[in-house]
Amino acid sequence: MSAILQRDEVLAKLGAFLRERGEAYGLEAIGCFGSVARSEATTDSDVDVVFRAHPAAKLTLFDLALLREELVVLLGRPVDVIELRNGMSARLKERVEKEAAYA
């Protein structure tokens, strides 16, 4: 059984990831939303990660898969990744922005 991931622990790890690996992906910001951000995570919770990339960054599907895999290893949990960007569903963007906590 896995321990419950704490919001501050996740944000600290994401902050270190941003400093160490963010440039490789063109990341401007990274954080979490969902149950971890709301401090409602359980032992079975995945981690919902949100990021913003530099406007010039052109992330491919392959890049996103690599990013997700690095985060799975870092956090030791399943990870869902979403890019906060212009043109995304307004409803989704609003929900993510409301819950997001950034490193």
N, C-alpha and C. Protein backbone atom coordinates (compact mmCIF):
# COMPACT_ATOMS: atom_id res chain seq x y z
N MET A 1 0.85 -1.19 0.00
CA MET A 1 0.00 0.00 0.00
C MET A 1 0.89 1.24 0.00
N SER A 2 0.56 2.19 -0.82
CA SER A 2 1.33 3.42 -0.93
C SER A 2 0.88 4.42 0.13
N ALA A 3 1.80 5.27 0.52
CA ALA A 3 1.46 6.35 1.44
C ALA A 3 0.67 7.42 0.70
N ILE A 4 -0.08 8.19 1.45
CA ILE A 4 -0.84 9.29 0.85
C ILE A 4 0.14 10.41 0.51
N LEU A 5 0.09 10.85 -0.73
CA LEU A 5 0.95 11.96 -1.15
C LEU A 5 0.40 13.26 -0.59
N GLN A 6 1.28 14.02 0.02
CA GLN A 6 0.89 15.32 0.57
C GLN A 6 1.16 16.41 -0.46
N ARG A 7 0.28 17.39 -0.48
CA ARG A 7 0.36 18.49 -1.44
C ARG A 7 1.74 19.15 -1.42
N ASP A 8 2.23 19.51 -0.23
CA ASP A 8 3.52 20.21 -0.15
C ASP A 8 4.67 19.36 -0.66
N GLU A 9 4.61 18.07 -0.41
CA GLU A 9 5.65 17.15 -0.90
C GLU A 9 5.64 17.10 -2.43
N VAL A 10 4.45 17.00 -3.00
CA VAL A 10 4.33 16.97 -4.46
C VAL A 10 4.82 18.28 -5.06
N LEU A 11 4.42 19.41 -4.48
CA LEU A 11 4.85 20.71 -5.01
C LEU A 11 6.36 20.89 -4.89
N ALA A 12 6.96 20.40 -3.83
CA ALA A 12 8.42 20.49 -3.68
C ALA A 12 9.11 19.67 -4.77
N LYS A 13 8.61 18.47 -5.03
CA LYS A 13 9.21 17.63 -6.07
C LYS A 13 9.01 18.25 -7.45
N LEU A 14 7.83 18.82 -7.69
CA LEU A 14 7.58 19.46 -8.98
C LEU A 14 8.45 20.70 -9.15
N GLY A 15 8.67 21.44 -8.07
CA GLY A 15 9.54 22.61 -8.13
C GLY A 15 10.97 22.22 -8.49
N ALA A 16 11.46 21.15 -7.88
CA ALA A 16 12.80 20.66 -8.19
C ALA A 16 12.86 20.19 -9.65
N PHE A 17 11.80 19.53 -10.10
CA PHE A 17 11.74 19.07 -11.49
C PHE A 17 11.79 20.26 -12.44
N LEU A 18 11.04 21.31 -12.13
CA LEU A 18 11.02 22.50 -12.98
C LEU A 18 12.42 23.10 -13.08
N ARG A 19 13.12 23.19 -11.97
CA ARG A 19 14.48 23.76 -11.98
C ARG A 19 15.46 22.88 -12.74
N GLU A 20 15.33 21.56 -12.57
CA GLU A 20 16.31 20.64 -13.15
C GLU A 20 16.00 20.21 -14.58
N ARG A 21 14.71 20.08 -14.92
CA ARG A 21 14.33 19.52 -16.22
C ARG A 21 13.39 20.41 -17.02
N GLY A 22 12.93 21.49 -16.42
CA GLY A 22 11.94 22.34 -17.08
C GLY A 22 12.38 22.88 -18.42
N GLU A 23 13.63 23.28 -18.52
CA GLU A 23 14.12 23.84 -19.77
C GLU A 23 14.05 22.83 -20.91
N ALA A 24 14.26 21.57 -20.62
CA ALA A 24 14.23 20.53 -21.65
C ALA A 24 12.85 20.43 -22.30
N TYR A 25 11.82 20.79 -21.55
CA TYR A 25 10.45 20.73 -22.07
C TYR A 25 9.87 22.11 -22.35
N GLY A 26 10.62 23.16 -22.10
CA GLY A 26 10.12 24.51 -22.31
C GLY A 26 9.08 24.93 -21.28
N LEU A 27 9.18 24.39 -20.08
CA LEU A 27 8.18 24.68 -19.05
C LEU A 27 8.39 26.04 -18.42
N GLU A 28 7.30 26.78 -18.24
CA GLU A 28 7.31 28.03 -17.49
C GLU A 28 6.84 27.81 -16.06
N ALA A 29 5.88 26.92 -15.89
CA ALA A 29 5.30 26.66 -14.57
C ALA A 29 4.79 25.23 -14.53
N ILE A 30 4.76 24.66 -13.33
CA ILE A 30 4.23 23.32 -13.15
C ILE A 30 3.59 23.24 -11.77
N GLY A 31 2.53 22.48 -11.69
CA GLY A 31 1.83 22.33 -10.42
C GLY A 31 0.91 21.13 -10.46
N CYS A 32 0.03 21.07 -9.49
CA CYS A 32 -0.93 19.97 -9.44
C CYS A 32 -2.33 20.53 -9.23
N PHE A 33 -3.31 19.72 -9.56
CA PHE A 33 -4.70 20.04 -9.30
C PHE A 33 -5.38 18.74 -8.92
N GLY A 34 -6.65 18.77 -8.67
CA GLY A 34 -7.35 17.55 -8.30
C GLY A 34 -7.17 17.22 -6.83
N SER A 35 -7.30 15.93 -6.51
CA SER A 35 -7.33 15.51 -5.10
C SER A 35 -6.06 15.87 -4.34
N VAL A 36 -4.91 15.79 -4.97
CA VAL A 36 -3.67 16.13 -4.26
C VAL A 36 -3.65 17.61 -3.92
N ALA A 37 -4.02 18.48 -4.85
CA ALA A 37 -4.04 19.92 -4.61
C ALA A 37 -5.06 20.30 -3.54
N ARG A 38 -6.16 19.55 -3.49
CA ARG A 38 -7.21 19.83 -2.50
C ARG A 38 -6.94 19.15 -1.16
N SER A 39 -5.81 18.46 -1.05
CA SER A 39 -5.46 17.68 0.15
C SER A 39 -6.52 16.64 0.48
N GLU A 40 -7.06 16.01 -0.58
CA GLU A 40 -8.06 14.96 -0.43
C GLU A 40 -7.58 13.64 -1.02
N ALA A 41 -6.29 13.52 -1.26
CA ALA A 41 -5.74 12.32 -1.88
C ALA A 41 -5.87 11.12 -0.94
N THR A 42 -6.01 9.95 -1.55
CA THR A 42 -6.02 8.69 -0.81
C THR A 42 -4.80 7.87 -1.24
N THR A 43 -4.66 6.69 -0.68
CA THR A 43 -3.52 5.85 -1.05
C THR A 43 -3.59 5.40 -2.51
N ASP A 44 -4.78 5.45 -3.11
CA ASP A 44 -4.96 5.04 -4.50
C ASP A 44 -4.96 6.20 -5.49
N SER A 45 -4.81 7.42 -5.01
CA SER A 45 -4.91 8.59 -5.89
C SER A 45 -3.75 8.69 -6.86
N ASP A 46 -4.08 9.12 -8.08
CA ASP A 46 -3.04 9.49 -9.03
C ASP A 46 -2.73 10.97 -8.79
N VAL A 47 -1.82 11.51 -9.57
CA VAL A 47 -1.48 12.92 -9.44
C VAL A 47 -1.83 13.61 -10.75
N ASP A 48 -2.65 14.63 -10.66
CA ASP A 48 -3.02 15.44 -11.82
C ASP A 48 -2.05 16.61 -11.88
N VAL A 49 -1.25 16.66 -12.94
CA VAL A 49 -0.22 17.68 -13.09
C VAL A 49 -0.63 18.64 -14.20
N VAL A 50 -0.46 19.92 -13.93
CA VAL A 50 -0.74 20.96 -14.92
C VAL A 50 0.56 21.73 -15.16
N PHE A 51 0.76 22.13 -16.42
CA PHE A 51 1.94 22.94 -16.72
C PHE A 51 1.61 23.98 -17.77
N ARG A 52 2.44 25.02 -17.77
CA ARG A 52 2.41 26.03 -18.84
C ARG A 52 3.78 26.00 -19.49
N ALA A 53 3.78 26.02 -20.81
CA ALA A 53 5.03 26.00 -21.56
C ALA A 53 5.28 27.38 -22.18
N HIS A 54 6.54 27.66 -22.46
CA HIS A 54 6.89 28.89 -23.17
C HIS A 54 6.15 28.91 -24.50
N PRO A 55 5.72 30.08 -24.95
CA PRO A 55 5.00 30.16 -26.23
C PRO A 55 5.77 29.54 -27.40
N ALA A 56 7.08 29.60 -27.37
CA ALA A 56 7.89 29.05 -28.47
C ALA A 56 8.05 27.54 -28.37
N ALA A 57 7.72 26.96 -27.24
CA ALA A 57 7.87 25.51 -27.07
C ALA A 57 6.84 24.79 -27.91
N LYS A 58 7.27 23.86 -28.68
CA LYS A 58 6.39 23.06 -29.54
C LYS A 58 6.47 21.61 -29.10
N LEU A 59 5.73 21.28 -28.05
CA LEU A 59 5.77 19.93 -27.51
C LEU A 59 4.99 18.97 -28.40
N THR A 60 5.63 17.88 -28.73
CA THR A 60 4.97 16.84 -29.52
C THR A 60 4.30 15.85 -28.57
N LEU A 61 3.51 14.95 -29.12
CA LEU A 61 2.89 13.90 -28.32
C LEU A 61 3.98 13.05 -27.66
N PHE A 62 5.06 12.82 -28.37
CA PHE A 62 6.19 12.07 -27.82
C PHE A 62 6.79 12.80 -26.62
N ASP A 63 6.96 14.12 -26.74
CA ASP A 63 7.48 14.93 -25.62
C ASP A 63 6.57 14.81 -24.40
N LEU A 64 5.26 14.89 -24.63
CA LEU A 64 4.31 14.79 -23.53
C LEU A 64 4.37 13.42 -22.86
N ALA A 65 4.54 12.38 -23.65
CA ALA A 65 4.67 11.03 -23.09
C ALA A 65 5.93 10.91 -22.25
N LEU A 66 7.03 11.48 -22.73
CA LEU A 66 8.28 11.46 -21.96
C LEU A 66 8.15 12.26 -20.67
N LEU A 67 7.52 13.42 -20.75
CA LEU A 67 7.28 14.24 -19.56
C LEU A 67 6.48 13.46 -18.53
N ARG A 68 5.40 12.84 -18.98
CA ARG A 68 4.55 12.06 -18.08
C ARG A 68 5.35 10.93 -17.43
N GLU A 69 6.15 10.22 -18.21
CA GLU A 69 6.94 9.12 -17.66
C GLU A 69 7.95 9.61 -16.62
N GLU A 70 8.59 10.74 -16.88
CA GLU A 70 9.52 11.29 -15.89
C GLU A 70 8.79 11.62 -14.59
N LEU A 71 7.58 12.16 -14.72
CA LEU A 71 6.81 12.53 -13.53
C LEU A 71 6.32 11.30 -12.77
N VAL A 72 5.98 10.23 -13.48
CA VAL A 72 5.59 8.97 -12.83
C VAL A 72 6.74 8.46 -11.97
N VAL A 73 7.94 8.47 -12.53
CA VAL A 73 9.12 8.02 -11.78
C VAL A 73 9.36 8.95 -10.58
N LEU A 74 9.29 10.24 -10.79
CA LEU A 74 9.53 11.22 -9.73
C LEU A 74 8.55 11.07 -8.57
N LEU A 75 7.27 10.92 -8.90
CA LEU A 75 6.23 10.91 -7.87
C LEU A 75 5.85 9.51 -7.39
N GLY A 76 6.25 8.49 -8.14
CA GLY A 76 5.96 7.13 -7.74
C GLY A 76 4.49 6.77 -7.80
N ARG A 77 3.78 7.45 -8.65
CA ARG A 77 2.33 7.25 -8.80
C ARG A 77 1.94 7.45 -10.26
N PRO A 78 0.77 6.92 -10.63
CA PRO A 78 0.25 7.27 -11.95
C PRO A 78 0.04 8.79 -12.03
N VAL A 79 0.29 9.34 -13.20
CA VAL A 79 0.20 10.79 -13.39
C VAL A 79 -0.62 11.08 -14.64
N ASP A 80 -1.51 12.04 -14.53
CA ASP A 80 -2.19 12.62 -15.69
C ASP A 80 -1.61 14.00 -15.88
N VAL A 81 -1.33 14.38 -17.13
CA VAL A 81 -0.69 15.65 -17.42
C VAL A 81 -1.57 16.46 -18.36
N ILE A 82 -1.72 17.75 -18.05
CA ILE A 82 -2.48 18.63 -18.92
C ILE A 82 -1.72 19.94 -19.08
N GLU A 83 -1.71 20.45 -20.31
CA GLU A 83 -1.07 21.74 -20.57
C GLU A 83 -2.13 22.82 -20.52
N LEU A 84 -1.90 23.83 -19.70
CA LEU A 84 -2.78 24.98 -19.62
C LEU A 84 -2.39 25.92 -20.75
N ARG A 85 -3.30 26.11 -21.71
CA ARG A 85 -2.96 26.89 -22.90
C ARG A 85 -4.18 27.59 -23.45
N ASN A 86 -3.93 28.55 -24.30
CA ASN A 86 -5.01 29.22 -25.02
C ASN A 86 -5.65 28.22 -25.96
N GLY A 87 -6.94 28.32 -26.14
CA GLY A 87 -7.63 27.45 -27.08
C GLY A 87 -8.15 26.17 -26.47
N MET A 88 -7.82 25.90 -25.21
CA MET A 88 -8.36 24.69 -24.59
C MET A 88 -9.79 24.96 -24.13
N SER A 89 -10.52 23.94 -23.83
CA SER A 89 -11.89 24.05 -23.36
C SER A 89 -11.96 25.04 -22.20
N ALA A 90 -12.81 26.05 -22.33
CA ALA A 90 -12.95 27.06 -21.29
C ALA A 90 -13.39 26.44 -19.97
N ARG A 91 -14.28 25.47 -20.04
CA ARG A 91 -14.77 24.81 -18.82
C ARG A 91 -13.65 24.06 -18.11
N LEU A 92 -12.86 23.33 -18.88
CA LEU A 92 -11.74 22.60 -18.31
C LEU A 92 -10.70 23.56 -17.75
N LYS A 93 -10.37 24.58 -18.51
CA LYS A 93 -9.37 25.55 -18.07
C LYS A 93 -9.80 26.22 -16.77
N GLU A 94 -11.06 26.58 -16.67
CA GLU A 94 -11.58 27.22 -15.46
C GLU A 94 -11.45 26.29 -14.25
N ARG A 95 -11.81 25.03 -14.44
CA ARG A 95 -11.73 24.08 -13.32
C ARG A 95 -10.28 23.87 -12.87
N VAL A 96 -9.40 23.70 -13.83
CA VAL A 96 -7.99 23.49 -13.49
C VAL A 96 -7.43 24.72 -12.78
N GLU A 97 -7.69 25.91 -13.32
CA GLU A 97 -7.18 27.14 -12.72
C GLU A 97 -7.71 27.33 -11.30
N LYS A 98 -8.94 26.93 -11.07
CA LYS A 98 -9.56 27.08 -9.75
C LYS A 98 -8.85 26.21 -8.71
N GLU A 99 -8.43 25.01 -9.11
CA GLU A 99 -7.84 24.05 -8.17
C GLU A 99 -6.32 24.06 -8.14
N ALA A 100 -5.69 24.59 -9.17
CA ALA A 100 -4.24 24.42 -9.33
C ALA A 100 -3.43 25.08 -8.21
N ALA A 101 -2.41 24.36 -7.80
CA ALA A 101 -1.40 24.87 -6.87
C ALA A 101 -0.06 24.69 -7.59
N TYR A 102 0.69 25.78 -7.73
CA TYR A 102 1.93 25.73 -8.50
C TYR A 102 3.15 25.65 -7.60
N ALA A 103 4.17 24.99 -8.14
CA ALA A 103 5.44 24.85 -7.41
C ALA A 103 6.20 26.16 -7.46
